[in-house]
Protein backbone atom coordinates (compact mmCIF):
# COMPACT_ATOMS: atom_id res chain seq x y z
CA MET A 1 -12.27 33.62 -3.60
CA ALA A 2 -13.86 34.72 -0.34
CA SER A 3 -12.30 33.32 2.78
CA THR A 4 -12.56 33.44 6.53
CA THR A 5 -9.80 33.51 9.13
CA VAL A 6 -9.58 31.33 12.19
CA ALA A 7 -7.16 31.21 15.07
CA GLY A 8 -4.75 28.30 14.93
CA PRO A 9 -2.28 26.95 17.45
CA GLN A 10 0.34 29.25 18.95
CA GLY A 11 -1.65 32.31 17.80
CA LEU A 12 -1.11 31.48 14.14
CA THR A 13 -3.81 32.93 11.86
CA LEU A 14 -5.01 30.58 9.16
CA SER A 15 -6.93 31.41 6.02
CA ARG A 16 -9.74 28.98 5.42
CA PRO A 17 -11.64 28.92 2.13
CA ALA A 18 -15.31 29.80 2.29
CA PRO A 19 -16.60 26.79 0.29
CA SER A 20 -17.81 23.77 2.22
CA PRO A 21 -14.91 21.71 3.49
CA TRP A 22 -16.64 18.65 2.03
CA LEU A 23 -16.04 20.04 -1.45
CA ILE A 24 -12.37 20.35 -0.52
CA ALA A 25 -12.44 16.77 0.80
CA ILE A 26 -13.84 15.46 -2.49
CA SER A 27 -11.29 17.48 -4.47
CA VAL A 28 -8.22 16.15 -2.69
CA MET A 29 -9.65 12.65 -2.28
CA LEU A 30 -9.85 12.33 -6.09
CA ALA A 31 -6.11 12.88 -6.37
CA THR A 32 -5.40 10.38 -3.58
CA PHE A 33 -7.73 7.77 -5.07
CA MET A 34 -6.08 8.11 -8.50
CA GLU A 35 -2.55 7.69 -7.08
CA VAL A 36 -3.32 4.72 -4.80
CA LEU A 37 -5.39 3.02 -7.50
CA ASP A 38 -2.48 3.21 -9.93
CA THR A 39 -0.17 1.53 -7.42
CA SER A 40 -2.17 -1.70 -7.59
CA ILE A 41 -3.89 -1.56 -10.99
CA ALA A 42 -0.65 -1.94 -12.97
CA SER A 43 0.36 -5.15 -11.19
CA VAL A 44 -2.42 -7.14 -12.89
CA ALA A 45 -1.27 -6.00 -16.33
CA LEU A 46 2.42 -6.91 -15.94
CA PRO A 47 2.35 -10.14 -18.02
CA TYR A 48 0.53 -8.29 -20.82
CA ILE A 49 2.99 -5.37 -20.65
CA ALA A 50 5.90 -7.81 -20.87
CA GLY A 51 4.44 -9.55 -23.92
CA SER A 52 3.52 -6.32 -25.69
CA LEU A 53 6.93 -4.68 -25.17
CA SER A 54 9.05 -7.82 -25.83
CA ALA A 55 10.27 -7.98 -22.23
CA THR A 56 10.55 -10.80 -19.71
CA ASN A 57 8.29 -10.94 -16.66
CA ASP A 58 11.28 -10.09 -14.45
CA GLU A 59 12.02 -7.01 -16.54
CA ALA A 60 8.36 -6.00 -16.39
CA THR A 61 8.49 -5.86 -12.57
CA TRP A 62 10.65 -2.77 -12.96
CA VAL A 63 7.46 -1.04 -14.10
CA LEU A 64 6.42 -1.26 -10.44
CA THR A 65 9.86 -0.65 -8.97
CA SER A 66 10.63 2.52 -10.92
CA TYR A 67 7.33 3.98 -9.77
CA LEU A 68 7.79 3.05 -6.10
CA VAL A 69 11.35 4.40 -5.89
CA ALA A 70 10.43 7.80 -7.34
CA ASN A 71 7.28 7.88 -5.24
CA ALA A 72 9.11 7.17 -1.98
CA VAL A 73 11.79 9.79 -2.62
CA VAL A 74 9.28 12.59 -3.16
CA LEU A 75 7.07 11.67 -0.18
CA PRO A 76 9.22 13.12 2.63
CA ALA A 77 10.40 16.02 0.47
CA SER A 78 6.84 17.17 -0.25
CA SER A 79 6.79 19.55 2.73
CA TRP A 80 9.71 21.64 1.41
CA PHE A 81 8.23 21.88 -2.09
CA SER A 82 4.88 22.95 -0.60
CA LEU A 83 6.49 25.75 1.38
CA LYS A 84 8.69 26.81 -1.54
CA PHE A 85 6.13 26.92 -4.33
CA GLY A 86 2.81 27.00 -2.45
CA ARG A 87 0.84 23.92 -1.55
CA LYS A 88 -2.01 24.44 -4.02
CA ARG A 89 0.35 25.17 -6.91
CA PHE A 90 2.55 22.19 -6.04
CA LEU A 91 -0.49 19.88 -5.76
CA LEU A 92 -1.81 21.01 -9.16
CA THR A 93 1.65 20.52 -10.69
CA CYS A 94 1.90 17.00 -9.25
CA ILE A 95 -1.54 16.02 -10.57
CA ALA A 96 -0.65 17.42 -14.01
CA ILE A 97 2.64 15.49 -14.06
CA PHE A 98 0.87 12.31 -12.93
CA THR A 99 -1.85 12.66 -15.56
CA VAL A 100 0.48 13.43 -18.49
CA SER A 101 2.88 10.64 -17.53
CA SER A 102 -0.09 8.23 -17.29
CA PHE A 103 -0.81 8.96 -20.96
CA LEU A 104 2.88 8.38 -21.79
CA CYS A 105 2.81 5.04 -19.93
CA GLY A 106 -0.18 3.93 -21.97
CA ALA A 107 1.40 5.10 -25.22
CA ALA A 108 4.82 3.49 -24.51
CA THR A 109 6.30 1.43 -27.35
CA SER A 110 9.34 0.06 -25.53
CA LEU A 111 10.32 -1.11 -22.05
CA TRP A 112 12.63 1.84 -21.42
CA MET A 113 9.96 4.31 -22.48
CA ILE A 114 7.45 2.95 -19.99
CA LEU A 115 10.10 2.74 -17.22
CA LEU A 116 10.97 6.41 -17.70
CA ALA A 117 7.29 7.40 -17.81
CA ARG A 118 6.59 5.38 -14.66
CA ALA A 119 9.47 7.06 -12.82
CA VAL A 120 8.07 10.49 -13.73
CA GLN A 121 4.60 9.29 -12.73
CA GLY A 122 5.93 8.12 -9.36
CA ALA A 123 7.59 11.50 -8.78
CA GLY A 124 4.31 13.24 -9.54
CA GLY A 125 2.29 10.87 -7.36
CA GLY A 126 4.61 10.84 -4.36
CA ALA A 127 3.35 14.12 -2.90
CA LEU A 128 -0.36 13.61 -3.59
CA GLN A 129 -1.20 11.71 -0.39
CA PRO A 130 0.56 13.96 2.16
CA LEU A 131 -0.62 17.13 0.42
CA ALA A 132 -4.20 15.89 0.28
CA GLN A 133 -4.11 14.82 3.91
CA SER A 134 -2.70 18.16 5.07
CA ILE A 135 -5.30 20.18 3.15
CA LEU A 136 -8.11 17.94 4.34
CA LEU A 137 -7.33 18.13 8.05
CA GLU A 138 -6.73 21.87 8.06
CA SER A 139 -10.09 22.43 6.38
CA PHE A 140 -12.16 20.80 9.13
CA PRO A 141 -12.64 21.68 12.82
CA PRO A 142 -11.25 19.05 15.23
CA ASP A 143 -14.64 17.53 16.07
CA LYS A 144 -15.28 16.86 12.34
CA ARG A 145 -11.79 15.64 11.53
CA GLY A 146 -12.58 11.97 12.08
CA MET A 147 -15.29 12.02 9.45
CA ALA A 148 -12.97 13.91 7.10
CA LEU A 149 -10.32 11.23 7.57
CA ALA A 150 -12.97 8.64 6.78
CA VAL A 151 -13.50 10.30 3.39
CA PHE A 152 -9.75 10.38 2.82
CA ALA A 153 -9.47 6.71 3.81
CA LEU A 154 -11.90 5.83 1.01
CA GLY A 155 -9.05 6.56 -1.38
CA VAL A 156 -6.37 4.84 0.67
CA VAL A 157 -8.31 1.70 1.63
CA VAL A 158 -10.76 1.11 -1.22
CA ALA A 159 -8.49 1.96 -4.17
CA PRO A 160 -6.05 -0.97 -3.61
CA VAL A 161 -9.07 -3.28 -3.53
CA LEU A 162 -10.59 -1.93 -6.75
CA GLY A 163 -7.21 -1.84 -8.49
CA PRO A 164 -6.79 -5.56 -9.32
CA THR A 165 -10.47 -5.92 -10.29
CA LEU A 166 -10.54 -2.85 -12.51
CA GLY A 167 -7.09 -3.62 -13.93
CA GLY A 168 -8.11 -7.18 -14.78
CA TYR A 169 -11.32 -5.99 -16.47
CA LEU A 170 -9.62 -3.27 -18.54
CA THR A 171 -6.76 -5.55 -19.54
CA ASP A 172 -8.98 -8.50 -20.51
CA THR A 173 -11.66 -6.38 -22.23
CA TYR A 174 -9.60 -3.67 -23.91
CA SER A 175 -5.83 -3.43 -23.42
CA TRP A 176 -3.27 -3.04 -20.62
CA ARG A 177 -2.80 0.54 -21.85
CA TRP A 178 -6.23 1.46 -20.46
CA ALA A 179 -4.93 0.68 -16.97
CA PHE A 180 -3.01 3.96 -17.39
CA TYR A 181 -5.42 5.89 -19.61
CA ILE A 182 -8.09 5.60 -16.87
CA ASN A 183 -6.15 8.20 -14.85
CA ILE A 184 -6.59 10.96 -17.46
CA PRO A 185 -10.26 11.93 -16.86
CA ILE A 186 -9.84 11.56 -13.08
CA GLY A 187 -6.76 13.81 -13.14
CA ILE A 188 -8.49 16.50 -15.22
CA PHE A 189 -11.53 16.51 -12.93
CA ALA A 190 -9.30 16.71 -9.81
CA ILE A 191 -7.43 19.72 -11.27
CA LEU A 192 -10.69 21.57 -11.97
CA MET A 193 -12.02 20.87 -8.47
CA ILE A 194 -8.81 22.00 -6.75
CA LEU A 195 -8.60 25.18 -8.83
CA ARG A 196 -12.12 26.05 -7.72
CA PHE A 197 -12.20 25.10 -4.05
CA VAL A 198 -8.68 24.89 -2.51
CA GLU A 199 -6.63 27.79 -1.17
CA ASP A 200 -3.36 28.00 0.78
CA PRO A 201 -3.38 29.06 4.45
CA SER A 202 -1.40 32.14 5.42
CA TYR A 203 1.48 30.23 7.01
CA ILE A 204 2.10 28.54 3.65
CA LYS A 205 1.90 31.83 1.74
CA ASN A 206 4.37 33.53 4.14
CA ALA A 207 6.78 30.59 4.45
CA LYS A 208 10.48 31.00 3.64
CA PRO A 209 11.92 27.49 3.46
CA GLY A 210 15.30 28.57 2.06
CA LYS A 211 17.46 26.56 -0.32
CA ILE A 212 16.68 22.87 -0.78
CA ASP A 213 18.92 20.40 1.01
CA GLY A 214 20.33 18.77 -2.13
CA ILE A 215 22.69 16.44 -0.23
CA GLY A 216 19.84 15.25 1.96
CA LEU A 217 17.65 14.63 -1.10
CA GLY A 218 20.45 12.67 -2.78
CA LEU A 219 21.06 10.50 0.29
CA LEU A 220 17.30 9.91 0.60
CA ALA A 221 17.07 8.81 -3.03
CA VAL A 222 20.00 6.40 -2.72
CA TRP A 223 18.93 4.61 0.46
CA LEU A 224 15.28 4.34 -0.57
CA GLY A 225 16.24 3.16 -4.05
CA SER A 226 18.64 0.58 -2.57
CA LEU A 227 15.96 -0.66 -0.20
CA GLN A 228 13.37 -1.05 -2.94
CA ILE A 229 15.79 -2.88 -5.26
CA ILE A 230 16.74 -5.30 -2.47
CA LEU A 231 13.10 -5.97 -1.65
CA ASP A 232 12.16 -6.52 -5.30
CA LYS A 233 15.08 -8.75 -6.27
CA GLY A 234 16.04 -10.36 -2.96
CA GLN A 235 14.03 -13.57 -3.23
CA GLU A 236 14.89 -13.98 -6.91
CA ASP A 237 18.66 -13.79 -6.20
CA ASP A 238 18.72 -15.68 -2.85
CA TRP A 239 18.94 -12.58 -0.67
CA PHE A 240 22.31 -12.24 1.07
CA GLY A 241 23.64 -15.23 -0.82
CA ALA A 242 24.16 -12.81 -3.71
CA THR A 243 27.24 -10.60 -3.58
CA TRP A 244 25.51 -7.63 -5.21
CA ILE A 245 22.77 -7.66 -2.56
CA ARG A 246 25.37 -7.56 0.21
CA TRP A 247 27.04 -4.55 -1.42
CA THR A 248 23.69 -2.85 -1.99
CA THR A 249 22.81 -3.43 1.66
CA ALA A 250 26.09 -1.79 2.70
CA VAL A 251 25.23 1.23 0.52
CA LEU A 252 21.75 1.29 2.06
CA ILE A 253 23.08 1.33 5.65
CA ILE A 254 25.78 3.94 4.99
CA THR A 255 23.49 6.35 3.14
CA PHE A 256 20.66 5.87 5.65
CA VAL A 257 22.93 6.72 8.61
CA ALA A 258 24.41 9.66 6.69
CA PHE A 259 20.88 10.88 5.90
CA ILE A 260 19.85 10.76 9.58
CA ILE A 261 22.98 12.67 10.63
CA ARG A 262 22.51 15.22 7.86
CA GLU A 263 18.89 15.94 8.73
CA PHE A 264 19.62 16.40 12.44
CA THR A 265 22.63 18.68 11.91
CA HIS A 266 21.60 20.80 8.90
CA ASP A 267 20.11 24.26 9.53
CA LYS A 268 17.38 23.80 6.89
CA PRO A 269 16.85 20.04 6.64
CA LEU A 270 14.87 18.48 3.82
CA VAL A 271 12.95 16.45 6.41
CA ASP A 272 12.57 17.63 10.00
CA LEU A 273 13.07 14.43 11.97
CA ARG A 274 12.55 16.25 15.26
CA VAL A 275 8.82 15.66 14.80
CA PHE A 276 9.49 12.16 16.17
CA ARG A 277 9.89 13.72 19.62
CA HIS A 278 6.08 13.45 19.82
CA ARG A 279 5.41 9.99 21.21
CA ASN A 280 2.07 9.59 19.47
CA PHE A 281 3.56 10.42 16.09
CA LEU A 282 6.51 8.05 16.55
CA LEU A 283 4.32 5.15 17.65
CA GLY A 284 1.75 6.02 14.97
CA CYS A 285 4.41 5.75 12.25
CA ILE A 286 5.56 2.38 13.64
CA LEU A 287 2.00 1.07 13.75
CA ILE A 288 1.09 2.29 10.25
CA GLY A 289 4.30 0.72 8.92
CA LEU A 290 3.45 -2.65 10.48
CA PHE A 291 -0.15 -2.45 9.36
CA GLY A 292 0.90 -1.39 5.87
CA GLY A 293 2.99 -4.56 5.68
CA ALA A 294 0.06 -6.74 6.76
CA LEU A 295 -2.48 -4.99 4.53
CA TYR A 296 -0.43 -4.93 1.33
CA GLY A 297 0.74 -8.47 2.06
CA LEU A 298 -2.87 -9.62 2.17
CA ILE A 299 -3.77 -7.63 -0.95
CA THR A 300 -0.89 -9.38 -2.74
CA LEU A 301 -1.53 -12.89 -1.40
CA LEU A 302 -5.24 -13.40 -1.96
CA PRO A 303 -5.38 -12.71 -5.73
CA LEU A 304 -2.18 -14.74 -6.13
CA PHE A 305 -3.70 -17.68 -4.24
CA TYR A 306 -6.88 -17.65 -6.34
CA GLN A 307 -4.93 -17.45 -9.61
CA GLU A 308 -2.06 -19.81 -8.79
CA LEU A 309 -3.76 -22.60 -6.84
CA MET A 310 -7.43 -22.24 -7.77
CA GLY A 311 -6.88 -21.46 -11.46
CA TYR A 312 -8.94 -18.23 -11.51
CA THR A 313 -8.45 -15.51 -14.07
CA ALA A 314 -7.15 -12.12 -12.88
CA TYR A 315 -10.65 -10.69 -13.24
CA ALA A 316 -12.31 -13.49 -11.23
CA ALA A 317 -9.64 -13.26 -8.53
CA GLY A 318 -10.21 -9.53 -8.32
CA TRP A 319 -13.93 -10.09 -7.77
CA ALA A 320 -13.22 -12.65 -5.05
CA VAL A 321 -11.37 -10.04 -2.96
CA ALA A 322 -13.58 -7.07 -3.92
CA PRO A 323 -15.89 -7.39 -0.85
CA ARG A 324 -13.04 -5.91 1.20
CA GLY A 325 -14.13 -2.58 -0.22
CA ILE A 326 -17.64 -3.18 1.12
CA GLY A 327 -16.20 -3.73 4.60
CA ALA A 328 -14.13 -0.55 4.41
CA ILE A 329 -17.07 1.53 3.17
CA MET A 330 -19.23 0.17 6.01
CA ALA A 331 -16.58 1.01 8.59
CA LEU A 332 -15.54 4.50 7.52
CA PRO A 333 -18.68 6.52 8.37
CA ILE A 334 -19.10 4.66 11.68
CA ILE A 335 -15.48 5.17 12.67
CA GLY A 336 -15.56 8.76 11.44
CA ILE A 337 -18.34 9.53 13.93
CA LEU A 338 -16.84 7.53 16.82
CA THR A 339 -13.43 9.23 16.63
CA SER A 340 -14.93 12.36 18.21
CA LYS A 341 -16.82 10.42 20.89
CA VAL A 342 -14.59 7.67 22.29
CA ASP A 343 -10.95 7.00 23.08
CA ASN A 344 -9.43 6.41 19.64
CA ARG A 345 -7.06 3.76 21.00
CA TRP A 346 -9.97 1.34 21.47
CA LEU A 347 -11.03 1.85 17.85
CA ILE A 348 -7.48 1.18 16.61
CA ALA A 349 -7.14 -1.92 18.79
CA ALA A 350 -10.51 -3.20 17.54
CA GLY A 351 -9.35 -2.69 13.96
CA PHE A 352 -6.15 -4.66 14.51
CA LEU A 353 -8.16 -7.40 16.26
CA MET A 354 -10.63 -7.68 13.37
CA PHE A 355 -7.85 -7.82 10.80
CA ALA A 356 -6.06 -10.51 12.85
CA ILE A 357 -9.24 -12.61 13.12
CA ALA A 358 -9.78 -12.27 9.36
CA SER A 359 -6.19 -13.40 8.72
CA LEU A 360 -6.72 -16.44 10.96
CA GLY A 361 -9.86 -17.16 8.95
CA PHE A 362 -7.84 -17.09 5.73
CA GLY A 363 -5.45 -19.51 7.47
CA GLN A 364 -8.23 -22.15 7.28
CA VAL A 365 -7.99 -22.16 3.48
CA ASN A 366 -7.95 -25.38 1.43
CA LEU A 367 -8.13 -26.36 -2.22
CA GLU A 368 -11.85 -27.19 -2.07
CA ILE A 369 -13.13 -23.67 -1.35
CA SER A 370 -15.44 -21.73 -3.63
CA GLN A 371 -14.95 -18.17 -4.86
CA TRP A 372 -17.09 -16.80 -2.01
CA SER A 373 -16.07 -19.12 0.86
CA PHE A 374 -14.13 -16.38 2.63
CA THR A 375 -16.44 -13.45 1.91
CA TRP A 376 -16.95 -12.94 5.65
CA ALA A 377 -13.18 -12.75 6.24
CA VAL A 378 -12.65 -10.44 3.24
CA VAL A 379 -15.37 -8.06 4.48
CA LEU A 380 -14.01 -8.21 8.06
CA SER A 381 -10.49 -7.38 6.87
CA GLY A 382 -11.89 -4.33 5.06
CA PHE A 383 -13.82 -3.24 8.14
CA GLY A 384 -10.69 -3.68 10.26
CA SER A 385 -8.62 -1.64 7.78
CA GLY A 386 -11.03 1.27 7.98
CA SER A 387 -11.05 0.99 11.77
CA VAL A 388 -7.26 1.34 11.88
CA PHE A 389 -6.56 4.00 9.25
CA VAL A 390 -8.88 6.77 10.42
CA PRO A 391 -8.33 6.84 14.21
CA LEU A 392 -4.61 6.04 13.91
CA SER A 393 -4.11 9.04 11.62
CA ASN A 394 -6.07 11.15 14.09
CA VAL A 395 -4.10 10.00 17.16
CA ALA A 396 -0.69 10.20 15.47
CA VAL A 397 -1.03 13.91 14.71
CA ALA A 398 -3.32 15.11 17.49
CA ARG A 399 -0.51 16.95 19.31
CA LEU A 400 1.20 18.49 16.29
CA ALA A 401 1.05 22.17 15.35
CA ASN A 402 -0.09 23.20 11.89
CA GLU A 403 3.42 24.19 10.80
CA GLU A 404 4.45 20.56 11.36
CA ILE A 405 1.62 19.19 9.22
CA GLY A 406 3.26 18.84 5.81
CA ASN A 407 6.52 17.39 7.14
CA ALA A 408 4.67 14.89 9.37
CA SER A 409 2.29 13.83 6.57
CA GLY A 410 5.19 12.98 4.27
CA LEU A 411 6.92 10.88 6.93
CA TYR A 412 3.71 9.13 7.99
CA ASN A 413 2.85 8.12 4.42
CA LEU A 414 6.46 7.09 3.82
CA PHE A 415 6.27 4.65 6.73
CA ARG A 416 3.09 3.15 5.31
CA ASN A 417 4.55 2.77 1.82
CA VAL A 418 7.87 1.33 3.02
CA GLY A 419 5.97 -1.02 5.36
CA GLY A 420 3.85 -2.13 2.42
CA SER A 421 6.93 -2.79 0.26
CA ILE A 422 8.56 -4.81 3.03
CA GLY A 423 5.33 -6.72 3.64
CA ILE A 424 4.96 -7.69 -0.02
CA SER A 425 8.57 -8.88 -0.13
CA VAL A 426 8.23 -10.89 3.09
CA VAL A 427 5.01 -12.69 2.12
CA ASN A 428 6.41 -13.59 -1.31
CA THR A 429 9.58 -14.94 0.32
CA ILE A 430 7.56 -17.02 2.80
CA VAL A 431 5.45 -18.49 -0.02
CA ALA A 432 8.57 -19.52 -1.97
CA ARG A 433 10.72 -20.76 0.94
CA HIS A 434 8.04 -22.44 3.02
CA ALA A 435 6.62 -24.26 0.00
CA GLN A 436 9.99 -25.96 -0.44
CA ARG A 437 10.20 -26.78 3.26
CA HIS A 438 6.67 -28.19 3.46
CA GLN A 439 7.22 -30.29 0.34
CA ASN A 440 10.40 -31.81 1.78
CA GLU A 441 8.58 -32.62 5.04
CA MET A 442 5.69 -34.24 3.16
CA VAL A 443 8.02 -36.33 1.01
CA ARG A 444 9.94 -37.57 4.06
CA SER A 445 6.71 -38.58 5.81
CA LEU A 446 5.25 -40.29 2.75
CA ALA A 447 6.25 -43.94 2.63
CA THR A 448 5.93 -45.72 -0.71
CA THR A 449 4.42 -48.70 1.14
CA ASP A 450 1.62 -46.59 2.60
CA PRO A 451 -1.69 -48.39 1.75
CA ALA A 452 -3.52 -45.10 1.06
CA LEU A 453 -0.79 -43.97 -1.36
CA GLN A 454 -0.71 -47.32 -3.10
CA ASN A 455 -4.50 -47.32 -3.44
CA ARG A 456 -4.48 -43.79 -4.91
CA LEU A 457 -1.71 -44.68 -7.36
CA HIS A 458 -3.61 -47.79 -8.44
CA GLN A 459 -6.79 -45.76 -9.05
CA LEU A 460 -4.95 -43.17 -11.12
CA GLN A 461 -3.07 -45.82 -13.07
CA GLN A 462 -6.28 -47.70 -13.86
CA TYR A 463 -7.98 -44.48 -15.01
CA LEU A 464 -5.07 -43.48 -17.26
CA TYR A 465 -4.86 -46.99 -18.68
CA SER A 466 -8.57 -46.78 -19.58
CA GLN A 467 -7.81 -43.52 -21.44
CA GLY A 468 -5.42 -45.31 -23.79
CA TYR A 469 -2.06 -44.97 -22.05
CA GLY A 470 0.23 -47.95 -21.82
CA PRO A 471 1.03 -49.65 -18.48
CA VAL A 472 4.42 -47.96 -18.02
CA GLU A 473 3.27 -44.53 -19.24
CA SER A 474 0.17 -44.62 -17.03
CA MET A 475 2.35 -45.48 -14.02
CA HIS A 476 4.69 -42.53 -14.71
CA LYS A 477 1.79 -40.15 -15.20
CA ALA A 478 0.14 -41.36 -11.99
CA TYR A 479 3.32 -40.58 -10.04
CA ALA A 480 3.47 -37.15 -11.75
CA LEU A 481 -0.12 -36.40 -10.73
CA ILE A 482 0.63 -37.38 -7.13
CA GLY A 483 3.72 -35.16 -7.25
CA GLY A 484 1.63 -32.25 -8.54
CA GLN A 485 -0.91 -32.69 -5.76
CA LEU A 486 1.94 -32.80 -3.24
CA SER A 487 3.40 -29.55 -4.60
CA ALA A 488 -0.02 -27.86 -4.50
CA GLN A 489 -0.53 -28.90 -0.87
CA ALA A 490 2.94 -27.64 0.05
CA ARG A 491 2.21 -24.34 -1.67
CA LEU A 492 -1.12 -24.16 0.15
CA TRP A 493 0.58 -24.55 3.53
CA SER A 494 3.01 -21.76 2.69
CA TYR A 495 0.01 -19.46 2.17
CA VAL A 496 -1.40 -20.62 5.50
CA ASP A 497 1.93 -19.69 7.15
CA ASP A 498 1.68 -16.22 5.61
CA PHE A 499 -1.88 -15.61 6.76
CA ARG A 500 -1.06 -16.72 10.30
CA SER A 501 2.07 -14.55 10.36
CA MET A 502 -0.02 -11.50 9.44
CA ALA A 503 -2.41 -12.34 12.27
CA LEU A 504 0.50 -12.49 14.73
CA VAL A 505 1.78 -9.09 13.56
CA CYS A 506 -1.65 -7.53 14.14
CA PHE A 507 -2.01 -9.16 17.57
CA ALA A 508 1.45 -7.82 18.49
CA CYS A 509 0.40 -4.29 17.49
CA ILE A 510 -2.45 -4.16 20.02
CA PRO A 511 -0.22 -3.61 23.11
CA ILE A 512 1.66 -0.86 21.23
CA VAL A 513 -1.67 0.89 20.60
CA PHE A 514 -2.18 1.44 24.32
CA MET A 515 1.25 3.07 24.62
CA LEU A 516 -0.26 5.99 22.70
CA LYS A 517 -1.55 8.96 24.68
CA LYS A 518 -5.33 9.10 24.92
CA THR A 519 -6.94 11.28 22.23
CA VAL A 520 -10.54 12.27 21.61
CA ALA A 521 -11.31 15.15 19.24
CA ARG A 522 -13.71 17.54 20.98
CA LYS A 523 -15.65 20.55 19.82
CA GLY A 524 -13.86 23.79 20.36
CA ALA A 525 -10.42 22.20 20.52
CA GLN A 526 -7.57 24.03 18.89
CA SER A 527 -6.97 23.08 15.28
CA VAL A 528 -4.11 20.74 14.69
CA GLY A 529 -3.23 19.02 11.48
CA HIS A 530 -1.66 16.08 9.87
């Protein structure tokens, strides 16, 4: 394939493929879209997977956990594998592994078979995002990088929105197995595109990473696996009230500290943590972690609210939150252009502000809303997401050299994924705990002599009596209906607490944004990557 050479930072010569960088963007975005879509699409199918494979719902959640653990372990290690085997070859291998394991997930006949296939799928998918991001940013000049990130963000932002909707449709119309089979044609097309249009730069071809840091990889796997298990099972087993969670937390802390020490002292570390010396990258990772928690928390909460309290099907709930994708698609081209024209910090701050306002809007929810009552807030949250992802990625890596790209991309995406896992766990815990608290408060404030309560009980009792129930039975059922309404209201207020908490997190991020160093991508600037 014909190529051209351009001067990179520190006199490094890079080999850039001759094809249009937009063809490269589409190629790598396909892989990203497939991986992110699969993260959310399987969650809708969990009850069906459990029933089909004779497993409980709790056991079925390991379908998500096994994927996330393997995914998180590979993320920060992706840089070493890229340097060792070549980035293009490693990317193609990961897509092939992801595609084949998707078929095995769909064809699984037992719980253990699908858990093993999901773990392999997570290992294959873990490197797709950092590899795609690295290739994308090195393929564009700095003044076009914002628009390139906007294309990349289509996969990261829109895929989690389409996941529940598409997963619900495939599961209801065909089978849960098609939630995995859908990856096969996308994976094949991505492989063909990458084979045709993507090439490795010279610094990748000439790299000598040395022997893999096996101890570092083992420590990374243990502490990330421990963290994910605690987050998944914490609420179910009363968090630190369970002895096994306390022991797992001790293992998490010990292995995490040992991992940090190992990576700072080893000659050839698996993950070069010295990249955090760049203030923008450090603060960017913190911000993307916090925003990942808020975003994935919202993605989890809204469909759950519509299904649990409003009685919607998974498919209808998916459609109710689908307009978020419209907001993201509207934002991405606008933000992609503005990143090269204005101080990116203002764009990031505006994104956090919009997401916070949308969360406050969701906090006005009640049990009388229609499916489209919060369309404006759903669209605004999507627009805010796009406004955060693109410029924050740009600012976080603006001062990094190309040889730091792969390592930094893995860490940046790891922070987002871990933040998302923590966010999902926190919002689920708040829903469960605060519902109990609100119900106790309502019961204490509800006097049995209250005229409004007595009037409501009398109306219900009269209605039930007219339906053929006896006096005593109608009285008991009337009290049960009042109790059900009380529980629903308590549950509703726990969702309100969650939405308002997410708004507070986003408001708190705005001052951190302005601690970043000012960045505007200009024409003619030296090429730096992510």
